[in-house]
Amino acid sequence: MAHIDFRRKINWHRRYRSPTGVKTEHEILRIFESDRGRIINSPAIRRLQQKTQVFPLERNAAVRTRLTHSMEVQQVGRYIAKEVLSRLKEQRQLAACGLDELTGPFESIVEMACLMHDIGNPPFGHFGEAAINDWFSQRLTPADAARPPDEDLCQVAALRVREGEESLNDLRRKVRQDLCHFEGNAQGIRLVQTLMRMNLTWAQVGCILKYTRPAWWAEEIPPSHNYLMKKPGYYLSEEAYIERLRHELELAPFSRFPLTWIMEAADDISYCVADLEDAVEKRIFSVEQLYQHLHDAWGTHEKGSLFAQVVENAWEKSRSNSLSRSTEDQFFMYLRVNTLNKLVPYAAARFIDHLPEIFDGEFNHALLEDDSAFSQLLELYKSVAVQHVFSHPDVEQLELQGYRVIRGLLEIYQPLLQLSLADFSELVEKERLRRLPIESRLFHKLSTRHRLAYVEAVNKLERESAEFPVLEYYYRCRLIQDYISGMTDLYAWDEYRRLMAVE
């Protein structure tokens, strides 16, 4: 572990107004406490209370939202971080790893990354992502080459791309690929840096960069990084920022920040049990049926197996202590405790066992992804949820409704994307044009924060450049994606009903 020095990774500087000079342990901790305050008090965190975890538009407060899920992930992340630090201390490796004076920031970075890990998710979760991507894929890349050009939303940019200019054609392909691969993790990076301008420390942002592939990536993914690059991690709009981030955190291209593995493991541990508990709360199945599903899916049952230590133990205890509390509450309390007590130490051990690769950002796996019984337990929870929860008719109906709502909203705001560059530029400048009554009203509905982000991005472009029309159109599409993806489930639902006049 000679080359491992976390003082090179836990970078407390910021992009803007960064503190200078050598800092004491206390001063560094205060800097990360400032990060905590910025994150906890941000509107993006507050909106998570009205975004779905599994059940869209759920009115039962006992069923998890993205916020309550994120708080649970935060607690598990803190637990894993403390376990890692405790083990390194026992092995007398804290100082050797440069962590003897950075234990507080280490924990804080993980906790806040856990709290933020879902902030970029659109309304209706993965179905919201699918709706955005499907809509833009169908509009930006028409399947029928003979289609009239006015049906292609890229017409404005296309008119300005002179035939034969390969670099511009490459840019158009890159822009289209980027816009058709909306992803919650990439949107989280955009929220923190571009839209909310939270000016967090480099280490704090590095910890939420879960995937290292840009959204415009169209080449084959190298096997050495196929896990780390399995989803888009950032957009073209944040490319320069990510380059700077990599420099500040000494990350090679497509490598990950070390503490991100802890955040990811905390999320994996948390949502697996939580989704099953919410399904019982929603009466999709009873706790007795859930136990039977888990028992059947595990397969062979040997005395002393991990299933026996975790699931059967929770079941037996809930049966024997059910007089004062409901069997459901008892079962899930013991199931959570047993699961955490097994998986958290294992995740911490895996982190330390692979620390050289993790420190370099090259460990091409999740901490809880291997051939062990611990990984099997996690897969058990996931498989039962997929088979019996996510495929339930009530869940599927709500997801299809969410998909339709997002596509419907994109259709409603489509006139802004059909405007010529000159007309849209004039609308942005004057905010209202009598000859464009519909577009003016739609433009007014966009949030000030998102409109400012568009203006700032376009003002940085070279207007005389041949690339300007393509990039302006890219940021205009981003403007619409930012606005709709930032809505809560309930707001998106209500907005769709209002604008479709179905109330």
Protein backbone atom coordinates (compact mmCIF):
# COMPACT_ATOMS: atom_id res chain seq x y z
CA MET A 1 0.00 0.00 0.00
CA ALA A 2 3.02 2.21 -0.37
CA HIS A 3 1.55 4.41 -3.11
CA ILE A 4 -1.86 4.79 -1.39
CA ASP A 5 -2.19 8.25 0.08
CA PHE A 6 -5.76 9.51 0.48
CA ARG A 7 -4.46 13.03 0.99
CA ARG A 8 -4.11 13.04 -2.82
CA LYS A 9 -7.76 12.05 -3.27
CA ILE A 10 -9.64 13.86 -0.51
CA ASN A 11 -9.25 17.19 -2.28
CA TRP A 12 -11.00 19.95 -0.30
CA HIS A 13 -10.55 22.64 -2.94
CA ARG A 14 -13.46 24.01 -4.96
CA ARG A 15 -13.77 25.22 -8.52
CA TYR A 16 -14.74 28.73 -7.41
CA ARG A 17 -13.36 30.64 -4.41
CA SER A 18 -11.28 27.71 -3.27
CA PRO A 19 -9.51 27.95 0.13
CA THR A 20 -5.76 28.33 -0.14
CA GLY A 21 -2.82 27.28 2.01
CA VAL A 22 -2.16 24.20 4.09
CA LYS A 23 -5.12 23.32 6.28
CA THR A 24 -5.29 21.72 9.69
CA GLU A 25 -7.49 18.67 10.29
CA HIS A 26 -10.09 20.89 11.95
CA GLU A 27 -10.13 23.37 9.03
CA ILE A 28 -10.49 20.58 6.47
CA LEU A 29 -13.41 19.12 8.41
CA ARG A 30 -15.10 22.53 8.43
CA ILE A 31 -14.78 22.70 4.65
CA PHE A 32 -16.60 19.38 4.30
CA GLU A 33 -19.18 20.50 6.87
CA SER A 34 -19.85 23.39 4.50
CA ASP A 35 -20.44 20.82 1.74
CA ARG A 36 -22.93 19.02 4.01
CA GLY A 37 -24.85 22.24 4.58
CA ARG A 38 -24.97 23.10 0.89
CA ILE A 39 -26.25 19.62 0.01
CA ILE A 40 -28.82 19.17 2.79
CA ASN A 41 -30.29 22.63 2.17
CA SER A 42 -30.48 22.30 -1.62
CA PRO A 43 -33.87 22.21 -3.41
CA ALA A 44 -32.73 19.11 -5.30
CA ILE A 45 -32.68 17.15 -2.02
CA ARG A 46 -36.07 18.48 -0.95
CA ARG A 47 -37.64 17.42 -4.24
CA LEU A 48 -36.67 13.82 -3.55
CA GLN A 49 -39.54 13.64 -1.07
CA GLN A 50 -41.98 13.68 -4.01
CA LYS A 51 -40.08 11.38 -6.36
CA THR A 52 -40.83 7.70 -6.49
CA GLN A 53 -38.69 4.86 -5.24
CA VAL A 54 -40.74 1.95 -6.59
CA PHE A 55 -44.40 3.03 -6.43
CA PRO A 56 -45.16 6.21 -8.41
CA LEU A 57 -47.62 8.75 -7.00
CA GLU A 58 -47.79 6.86 -3.71
CA ARG A 59 -49.82 8.63 -1.02
CA ASN A 60 -49.01 6.24 1.83
CA ALA A 61 -46.26 8.03 3.78
CA ALA A 62 -44.96 4.72 5.12
CA VAL A 63 -43.86 3.73 1.60
CA ARG A 64 -40.44 5.05 0.66
CA THR A 65 -39.79 8.07 -1.50
CA ARG A 66 -36.38 8.83 -3.03
CA LEU A 67 -35.65 11.01 0.00
CA THR A 68 -36.36 8.39 2.66
CA HIS A 69 -34.44 5.84 0.58
CA SER A 70 -31.49 8.25 0.28
CA MET A 71 -31.47 8.82 4.05
CA GLU A 72 -31.30 5.06 4.60
CA VAL A 73 -28.45 4.78 2.07
CA GLN A 74 -26.69 7.61 3.92
CA GLN A 75 -26.81 5.67 7.18
CA VAL A 76 -25.52 2.45 5.56
CA GLY A 77 -22.75 4.37 3.80
CA ARG A 78 -21.66 5.86 7.11
CA TYR A 79 -21.66 2.35 8.64
CA ILE A 80 -19.44 0.95 5.86
CA ALA A 81 -17.08 3.94 6.02
CA LYS A 82 -16.68 3.55 9.78
CA GLU A 83 -16.08 -0.19 9.36
CA VAL A 84 -13.36 0.46 6.76
CA LEU A 85 -11.64 3.02 8.97
CA SER A 86 -11.91 0.78 12.04
CA ARG A 87 -10.32 -2.14 10.20
CA LEU A 88 -7.52 0.00 8.80
CA LYS A 89 -6.87 1.29 12.32
CA GLU A 90 -6.72 -2.27 13.69
CA GLN A 91 -4.25 -3.16 10.94
CA ARG A 92 -2.22 -0.02 11.76
CA GLN A 93 -2.70 1.19 8.20
CA LEU A 94 -4.54 4.49 8.78
CA ALA A 95 -1.40 6.63 8.79
CA ALA A 96 0.17 4.61 5.96
CA CYS A 97 -2.89 5.39 3.82
CA GLY A 98 -2.85 9.08 4.73
CA LEU A 99 -6.14 8.78 6.61
CA ASP A 100 -5.09 9.33 10.21
CA GLU A 101 -6.21 13.00 10.07
CA LEU A 102 -8.94 12.56 7.43
CA THR A 103 -11.36 10.10 9.04
CA GLY A 104 -14.02 12.82 9.49
CA PRO A 105 -13.91 13.96 5.83
CA PHE A 106 -13.80 10.31 4.67
CA GLU A 107 -17.10 9.59 6.44
CA SER A 108 -18.69 12.89 5.45
CA ILE A 109 -17.89 12.52 1.74
CA VAL A 110 -19.45 9.05 1.70
CA GLU A 111 -22.54 10.13 3.65
CA MET A 112 -23.28 13.13 1.47
CA ALA A 113 -22.66 11.19 -1.74
CA CYS A 114 -25.21 8.64 -0.49
CA LEU A 115 -27.72 11.40 0.21
CA MET A 116 -27.17 12.87 -3.28
CA HIS A 117 -26.94 9.67 -5.28
CA ASP A 118 -30.48 9.95 -6.73
CA ILE A 119 -30.85 13.72 -7.18
CA GLY A 120 -30.62 13.51 -10.97
CA ASN A 121 -33.41 10.96 -11.33
CA PRO A 122 -36.39 12.22 -13.37
CA PRO A 123 -40.04 11.75 -12.38
CA PHE A 124 -41.13 8.09 -12.43
CA GLY A 125 -37.58 6.78 -12.14
CA HIS A 126 -36.26 4.53 -14.90
CA PHE A 127 -39.49 4.84 -16.86
CA GLY A 128 -38.97 8.61 -16.88
CA GLU A 129 -35.46 8.05 -18.26
CA ALA A 130 -36.81 5.69 -20.91
CA ALA A 131 -39.51 8.18 -21.93
CA ILE A 132 -36.98 11.00 -22.41
CA ASN A 133 -34.57 8.79 -24.36
CA ASP A 134 -37.24 7.22 -26.55
CA TRP A 135 -38.77 10.60 -27.39
CA PHE A 136 -35.47 12.23 -28.35
CA SER A 137 -34.30 9.13 -30.22
CA GLN A 138 -37.44 9.19 -32.35
CA ARG A 139 -37.25 12.95 -33.00
CA LEU A 140 -33.52 13.40 -33.45
CA THR A 141 -32.92 10.34 -35.59
CA PRO A 142 -35.93 9.78 -37.85
CA ALA A 143 -36.19 6.15 -38.89
CA ASP A 144 -37.49 7.01 -42.33
CA ALA A 145 -34.85 8.74 -44.42
CA ALA A 146 -37.52 10.01 -46.82
CA ARG A 147 -39.33 11.85 -44.07
CA PRO A 148 -39.90 15.57 -44.74
CA PRO A 149 -37.14 17.64 -43.13
CA ASP A 150 -39.60 19.71 -41.11
CA GLU A 151 -40.37 16.62 -39.03
CA ASP A 152 -36.79 16.37 -37.83
CA LEU A 153 -36.17 18.37 -34.67
CA CYS A 154 -32.55 18.79 -35.77
CA GLN A 155 -33.64 20.72 -38.89
CA VAL A 156 -32.40 24.06 -37.53
CA ALA A 157 -28.95 22.68 -36.88
CA ALA A 158 -28.98 20.57 -40.05
CA LEU A 159 -29.59 23.56 -42.33
CA ARG A 160 -26.37 25.06 -41.10
CA VAL A 161 -24.22 21.97 -41.50
CA ARG A 162 -22.56 22.24 -44.90
CA GLU A 163 -22.26 18.97 -46.76
CA GLY A 164 -18.82 17.46 -46.70
CA GLU A 165 -17.71 19.03 -43.43
CA GLU A 166 -16.95 15.82 -41.58
CA SER A 167 -16.10 17.50 -38.28
CA LEU A 168 -19.55 19.08 -38.12
CA ASN A 169 -21.21 15.81 -38.98
CA ASP A 170 -19.23 14.18 -36.19
CA LEU A 171 -20.41 16.89 -33.81
CA ARG A 172 -24.03 16.32 -34.85
CA ARG A 173 -23.69 12.58 -34.22
CA LYS A 174 -22.08 13.28 -30.85
CA VAL A 175 -24.84 15.71 -29.87
CA ARG A 176 -27.58 13.29 -30.90
CA GLN A 177 -25.98 10.41 -29.03
CA ASP A 178 -25.63 12.60 -25.93
CA LEU A 179 -29.26 13.81 -25.95
CA CYS A 180 -30.63 10.30 -26.52
CA HIS A 181 -28.82 8.91 -23.47
CA PHE A 182 -30.32 10.83 -20.58
CA GLU A 183 -29.27 9.14 -17.33
CA GLY A 184 -30.01 10.03 -13.72
CA ASN A 185 -26.38 9.76 -12.61
CA ALA A 186 -25.19 12.09 -15.38
CA GLN A 187 -28.02 14.51 -14.60
CA GLY A 188 -26.89 14.49 -10.96
CA ILE A 189 -23.47 15.77 -12.02
CA ARG A 190 -25.14 18.43 -14.16
CA LEU A 191 -27.41 19.50 -11.30
CA VAL A 192 -24.58 19.88 -8.81
CA GLN A 193 -22.21 21.72 -11.12
CA THR A 194 -24.20 23.56 -13.79
CA LEU A 195 -27.79 24.04 -12.62
CA MET A 196 -27.49 24.41 -8.84
CA ARG A 197 -23.92 25.77 -8.89
CA MET A 198 -23.31 24.26 -5.46
CA ASN A 199 -19.53 24.68 -5.79
CA LEU A 200 -18.79 21.54 -3.81
CA THR A 201 -15.29 20.27 -3.16
CA TRP A 202 -13.68 18.16 -5.88
CA ALA A 203 -13.72 15.09 -3.64
CA GLN A 204 -17.43 15.43 -2.89
CA VAL A 205 -18.40 15.65 -6.55
CA GLY A 206 -15.95 12.88 -7.46
CA CYS A 207 -17.79 10.56 -5.10
CA ILE A 208 -21.09 10.84 -7.06
CA LEU A 209 -19.47 10.18 -10.46
CA LYS A 210 -20.69 6.58 -10.40
CA TYR A 211 -20.08 5.73 -14.06
CA THR A 212 -17.18 7.02 -16.09
CA ARG A 213 -18.51 6.83 -19.66
CA PRO A 214 -19.64 10.04 -21.39
CA ALA A 215 -23.20 9.96 -22.71
CA TRP A 216 -21.99 10.55 -26.28
CA TRP A 217 -19.77 7.43 -26.25
CA ALA A 218 -20.42 5.37 -29.36
CA GLU A 219 -17.34 3.16 -29.48
CA GLU A 220 -16.89 -0.31 -28.08
CA ILE A 221 -16.43 -0.31 -24.30
CA PRO A 222 -13.05 -1.73 -23.26
CA PRO A 223 -13.37 -4.98 -21.22
CA SER A 224 -11.02 -3.53 -18.59
CA HIS A 225 -13.66 -0.91 -17.74
CA ASN A 226 -16.90 -2.55 -18.85
CA TYR A 227 -18.46 -2.31 -15.39
CA LEU A 228 -17.31 1.24 -14.67
CA MET A 229 -18.54 2.35 -18.11
CA LYS A 230 -21.79 0.36 -18.28
CA LYS A 231 -23.94 3.52 -18.14
CA PRO A 232 -23.45 7.19 -19.07
CA GLY A 233 -21.88 9.14 -16.22
CA TYR A 234 -21.80 12.70 -17.59
CA TYR A 235 -22.88 14.79 -20.58
CA LEU A 236 -21.10 16.75 -23.27
CA SER A 237 -22.20 19.92 -21.43
CA GLU A 238 -20.05 18.93 -18.42
CA GLU A 239 -17.10 17.55 -20.39
CA ALA A 240 -14.68 20.35 -19.48
CA TYR A 241 -15.68 20.18 -15.81
CA ILE A 242 -15.09 16.41 -15.67
CA GLU A 243 -11.67 16.88 -17.27
CA ARG A 244 -10.78 19.34 -14.52
CA LEU A 245 -12.25 16.99 -11.89
CA ARG A 246 -10.06 14.13 -13.11
CA HIS A 247 -7.01 16.36 -12.95
CA GLU A 248 -7.79 17.54 -9.41
CA LEU A 249 -8.47 13.99 -8.14
CA GLU A 250 -5.65 12.34 -10.13
CA LEU A 251 -8.06 10.06 -11.97
CA ALA A 252 -7.13 8.34 -15.21
CA PRO A 253 -9.71 8.44 -18.03
CA PHE A 254 -12.69 6.19 -17.21
CA SER A 255 -11.46 5.57 -13.65
CA ARG A 256 -13.57 6.12 -10.56
CA PHE A 257 -13.07 7.99 -7.29
CA PRO A 258 -12.24 5.45 -4.52
CA LEU A 259 -15.06 6.28 -2.10
CA THR A 260 -17.71 5.84 -4.81
CA TRP A 261 -17.53 2.07 -4.30
CA ILE A 262 -18.76 2.54 -0.72
CA MET A 263 -21.66 4.74 -1.84
CA GLU A 264 -22.63 2.15 -4.45
CA ALA A 265 -22.52 -0.73 -1.94
CA ALA A 266 -24.66 1.25 0.52
CA ASP A 267 -27.29 1.79 -2.19
CA ASP A 268 -27.26 -1.90 -3.17
CA ILE A 269 -27.72 -3.03 0.44
CA SER A 270 -30.45 -0.48 1.20
CA TYR A 271 -32.84 -0.74 -1.70
CA CYS A 272 -32.97 -4.53 -1.83
CA VAL A 273 -34.63 -4.99 1.55
CA ALA A 274 -36.55 -1.71 1.29
CA ASP A 275 -38.30 -2.65 -1.95
CA LEU A 276 -39.57 -5.87 -0.38
CA GLU A 277 -40.77 -4.07 2.74
CA ASP A 278 -42.63 -1.49 0.66
CA ALA A 279 -44.28 -4.29 -1.32
CA VAL A 280 -45.63 -5.79 1.92
CA GLU A 281 -46.79 -2.33 3.03
CA LYS A 282 -48.62 -2.03 -0.32
CA ARG A 283 -50.16 -5.50 0.17
CA ILE A 284 -48.63 -6.85 -3.02
CA PHE A 285 -47.84 -9.92 -0.94
CA SER A 286 -47.99 -10.80 2.74
CA VAL A 287 -44.93 -11.20 4.91
CA GLU A 288 -45.63 -14.95 4.96
CA GLN A 289 -45.68 -15.04 1.17
CA LEU A 290 -42.48 -13.01 1.01
CA TYR A 291 -40.70 -15.46 3.28
CA GLN A 292 -41.86 -18.33 1.05
CA HIS A 293 -40.67 -16.51 -2.08
CA LEU A 294 -37.25 -15.97 -0.50
CA HIS A 295 -37.09 -19.56 0.74
CA ASP A 296 -37.97 -21.00 -2.67
CA ALA A 297 -35.61 -18.72 -4.60
CA TRP A 298 -32.59 -19.53 -2.40
CA GLY A 299 -32.57 -23.16 -3.51
CA THR A 300 -30.65 -25.62 -1.37
CA HIS A 301 -31.04 -25.15 2.37
CA GLU A 302 -28.19 -26.20 4.61
CA LYS A 303 -27.94 -25.70 8.32
CA GLY A 304 -25.84 -22.64 9.14
CA SER A 305 -26.08 -21.17 5.63
CA LEU A 306 -26.16 -17.40 5.17
CA PHE A 307 -29.87 -17.67 4.36
CA ALA A 308 -30.41 -19.43 7.69
CA GLN A 309 -28.39 -16.80 9.57
CA VAL A 310 -30.19 -13.86 7.97
CA VAL A 311 -33.66 -14.69 6.63
CA GLU A 312 -34.66 -17.73 8.69
CA ASN A 313 -33.29 -16.12 11.83
CA ALA A 314 -35.41 -12.99 11.18
CA TRP A 315 -38.46 -15.14 10.51
CA GLU A 316 -38.11 -17.20 13.68
CA LYS A 317 -37.48 -14.16 15.87
CA SER A 318 -40.48 -12.30 14.44
CA ARG A 319 -42.67 -15.31 15.20
CA SER A 320 -41.53 -15.63 18.79
CA ASN A 321 -41.62 -11.88 19.63
CA SER A 322 -44.81 -10.83 17.89
CA LEU A 323 -46.93 -10.07 20.95
CA SER A 324 -45.86 -6.45 21.40
CA ARG A 325 -45.33 -5.57 17.72
CA SER A 326 -46.70 -6.75 14.39
CA THR A 327 -45.02 -9.72 12.75
CA GLU A 328 -44.30 -7.56 9.69
CA ASP A 329 -42.45 -4.89 11.67
CA GLN A 330 -40.51 -7.49 13.62
CA PHE A 331 -39.54 -9.47 10.53
CA PHE A 332 -38.20 -6.47 8.62
CA MET A 333 -36.40 -5.08 11.64
CA TYR A 334 -34.52 -8.35 12.11
CA LEU A 335 -34.05 -8.83 8.36
CA ARG A 336 -32.45 -5.36 8.03
CA VAL A 337 -30.24 -5.84 11.08
CA ASN A 338 -29.12 -9.31 10.01
CA THR A 339 -28.49 -8.20 6.44
CA LEU A 340 -26.46 -5.16 7.50
CA ASN A 341 -24.47 -7.16 10.04
CA LYS A 342 -23.40 -9.57 7.29
CA LEU A 343 -23.04 -7.38 4.21
CA VAL A 344 -21.46 -4.25 5.71
CA PRO A 345 -18.39 -6.04 7.14
CA TYR A 346 -18.05 -7.99 3.89
CA ALA A 347 -18.21 -4.80 1.79
CA ALA A 348 -15.59 -3.19 4.05
CA ALA A 349 -13.33 -6.24 3.78
CA ARG A 350 -13.65 -6.23 -0.02
CA PHE A 351 -12.80 -2.52 -0.09
CA ILE A 352 -9.61 -3.11 1.90
CA ASP A 353 -8.67 -6.32 0.08
CA HIS A 354 -8.79 -4.50 -3.26
CA LEU A 355 -7.59 -1.13 -1.98
CA PRO A 356 -4.70 -0.69 -4.47
CA GLU A 357 -7.06 -1.12 -7.46
CA ILE A 358 -9.81 0.92 -5.80
CA PHE A 359 -7.44 3.75 -4.93
CA ASP A 360 -6.34 3.88 -8.57
CA GLY A 361 -10.00 3.82 -9.65
CA GLU A 362 -9.53 0.67 -11.71
CA PHE A 363 -11.49 -1.97 -9.74
CA ASN A 364 -13.94 -3.07 -12.44
CA HIS A 365 -16.61 -4.55 -10.14
CA ALA A 366 -19.07 -3.60 -7.43
CA LEU A 367 -17.93 -4.45 -3.89
CA LEU A 368 -20.85 -6.86 -3.50
CA GLU A 369 -20.48 -8.49 -6.90
CA ASP A 370 -18.59 -11.79 -6.70
CA ASP A 371 -19.17 -15.53 -6.21
CA SER A 372 -19.74 -15.30 -2.46
CA ALA A 373 -22.86 -16.17 -0.48
CA PHE A 374 -23.06 -12.46 0.43
CA SER A 375 -23.48 -11.51 -3.21
CA GLN A 376 -25.96 -14.38 -3.58
CA LEU A 377 -28.05 -12.96 -0.73
CA LEU A 378 -28.22 -9.57 -2.43
CA GLU A 379 -29.19 -11.21 -5.72
CA LEU A 380 -31.89 -13.16 -3.87
CA TYR A 381 -33.57 -9.95 -2.71
CA LYS A 382 -33.27 -8.41 -6.19
CA SER A 383 -34.64 -11.45 -8.02
CA VAL A 384 -37.68 -11.75 -5.74
CA ALA A 385 -38.38 -8.02 -6.21
CA VAL A 386 -38.10 -8.31 -10.00
CA GLN A 387 -40.32 -11.40 -10.15
CA HIS A 388 -43.00 -10.43 -7.65
CA VAL A 389 -42.90 -6.62 -7.18
CA PHE A 390 -41.80 -4.81 -10.33
CA SER A 391 -43.92 -7.08 -12.53
CA HIS A 392 -47.06 -6.56 -10.45
CA PRO A 393 -49.95 -5.15 -12.54
CA ASP A 394 -50.43 -2.13 -10.25
CA VAL A 395 -46.73 -1.19 -10.50
CA GLU A 396 -46.61 -1.72 -14.26
CA GLN A 397 -49.75 0.38 -14.79
CA LEU A 398 -48.30 3.30 -12.81
CA GLU A 399 -45.01 3.05 -14.69
CA LEU A 400 -46.81 3.12 -18.04
CA GLN A 401 -48.78 6.16 -16.89
CA GLY A 402 -45.54 7.85 -15.86
CA TYR A 403 -44.00 7.04 -19.24
CA ARG A 404 -46.99 8.62 -20.98
CA VAL A 405 -46.87 11.73 -18.77
CA ILE A 406 -43.20 12.43 -19.58
CA ARG A 407 -43.69 11.86 -23.32
CA GLY A 408 -46.79 14.05 -23.20
CA LEU A 409 -44.90 16.90 -21.54
CA LEU A 410 -42.13 16.66 -24.15
CA GLU A 411 -44.76 16.89 -26.89
CA ILE A 412 -46.24 19.97 -25.25
CA TYR A 413 -42.85 21.74 -25.11
CA GLN A 414 -41.84 20.61 -28.61
CA PRO A 415 -42.76 24.01 -30.22
CA LEU A 416 -39.75 25.58 -28.46
CA LEU A 417 -37.49 23.06 -30.18
CA GLN A 418 -39.09 23.72 -33.57
CA LEU A 419 -38.35 27.45 -33.54
CA SER A 420 -35.61 28.76 -35.79
CA LEU A 421 -32.40 29.88 -34.15
CA ALA A 422 -33.27 33.52 -34.83
CA ASP A 423 -36.77 33.24 -33.38
CA PHE A 424 -35.68 31.39 -30.27
CA SER A 425 -32.80 33.81 -29.66
CA GLU A 426 -35.24 36.73 -29.90
CA LEU A 427 -37.66 34.99 -27.54
CA VAL A 428 -34.89 34.42 -24.98
CA GLU A 429 -33.91 38.09 -25.21
CA LYS A 430 -37.40 39.62 -25.07
CA GLU A 431 -39.20 36.80 -23.17
CA ARG A 432 -42.43 37.46 -25.07
CA LEU A 433 -43.17 37.77 -28.80
CA ARG A 434 -46.70 38.59 -30.01
CA ARG A 435 -46.22 36.55 -33.15
CA LEU A 436 -45.32 33.50 -31.05
CA PRO A 437 -48.09 33.30 -28.40
CA ILE A 438 -47.79 29.56 -27.65
CA GLU A 439 -43.99 29.53 -27.56
CA SER A 440 -43.92 32.63 -25.35
CA ARG A 441 -46.21 31.03 -22.79
CA LEU A 442 -44.25 27.77 -22.82
CA PHE A 443 -41.00 29.69 -22.37
CA HIS A 444 -42.42 31.51 -19.33
CA LYS A 445 -43.17 28.18 -17.68
CA LEU A 446 -39.51 27.13 -17.74
CA SER A 447 -37.72 27.78 -14.46
CA THR A 448 -35.40 30.76 -14.19
CA ARG A 449 -32.53 28.51 -13.10
CA HIS A 450 -32.74 26.40 -16.23
CA ARG A 451 -33.13 29.39 -18.54
CA LEU A 452 -30.04 31.03 -17.03
CA ALA A 453 -28.03 27.83 -17.50
CA TYR A 454 -28.99 27.85 -21.19
CA VAL A 455 -28.08 31.53 -21.62
CA GLU A 456 -24.75 31.09 -19.86
CA ALA A 457 -23.83 28.07 -21.98
CA VAL A 458 -24.78 29.73 -25.28
CA ASN A 459 -22.98 32.97 -24.40
CA LYS A 460 -19.74 31.01 -24.08
CA LEU A 461 -20.03 29.76 -27.66
CA GLU A 462 -18.39 31.46 -30.62
CA ARG A 463 -21.38 32.80 -32.56
CA GLU A 464 -19.53 33.06 -35.85
CA SER A 465 -18.42 29.44 -35.66
CA ALA A 466 -19.96 26.84 -37.95
CA GLU A 467 -20.58 24.77 -34.82
CA PHE A 468 -22.72 27.42 -33.12
CA PRO A 469 -26.16 26.37 -34.51
CA VAL A 470 -25.55 22.73 -33.59
CA LEU A 471 -24.39 23.51 -30.06
CA GLU A 472 -27.12 26.12 -29.49
CA TYR A 473 -29.68 23.50 -30.40
CA TYR A 474 -27.97 21.01 -28.08
CA TYR A 475 -28.30 23.38 -25.12
CA ARG A 476 -31.90 24.15 -26.07
CA CYS A 477 -32.72 20.44 -25.88
CA ARG A 478 -30.85 20.25 -22.58
CA LEU A 479 -33.00 23.14 -21.34
CA ILE A 480 -36.17 21.10 -21.94
CA GLN A 481 -34.63 17.93 -20.46
CA ASP A 482 -33.45 19.86 -17.40
CA TYR A 483 -36.88 21.33 -16.77
CA ILE A 484 -38.92 18.15 -17.19
CA SER A 485 -36.44 15.84 -15.43
CA GLY A 486 -36.34 18.25 -12.47
CA MET A 487 -40.08 17.91 -11.82
CA THR A 488 -41.42 15.77 -9.00
CA ASP A 489 -43.78 12.92 -9.85
CA LEU A 490 -46.81 14.82 -8.58
CA TYR A 491 -45.89 18.09 -10.30
CA ALA A 492 -45.30 16.30 -13.62
CA TRP A 493 -48.63 14.49 -13.27
CA ASP A 494 -50.52 17.70 -12.42
CA GLU A 495 -48.75 19.74 -15.11
CA TYR A 496 -49.57 17.15 -17.75
CA ARG A 497 -53.25 17.10 -16.74
CA ARG A 498 -53.43 20.91 -16.69
CA LEU A 499 -51.79 21.40 -20.09
CA MET A 500 -53.75 18.56 -21.69
CA ALA A 501 -56.94 20.12 -20.27
CA VAL A 502 -58.13 16.86 -18.74
CA GLU A 503 -59.03 18.22 -15.32
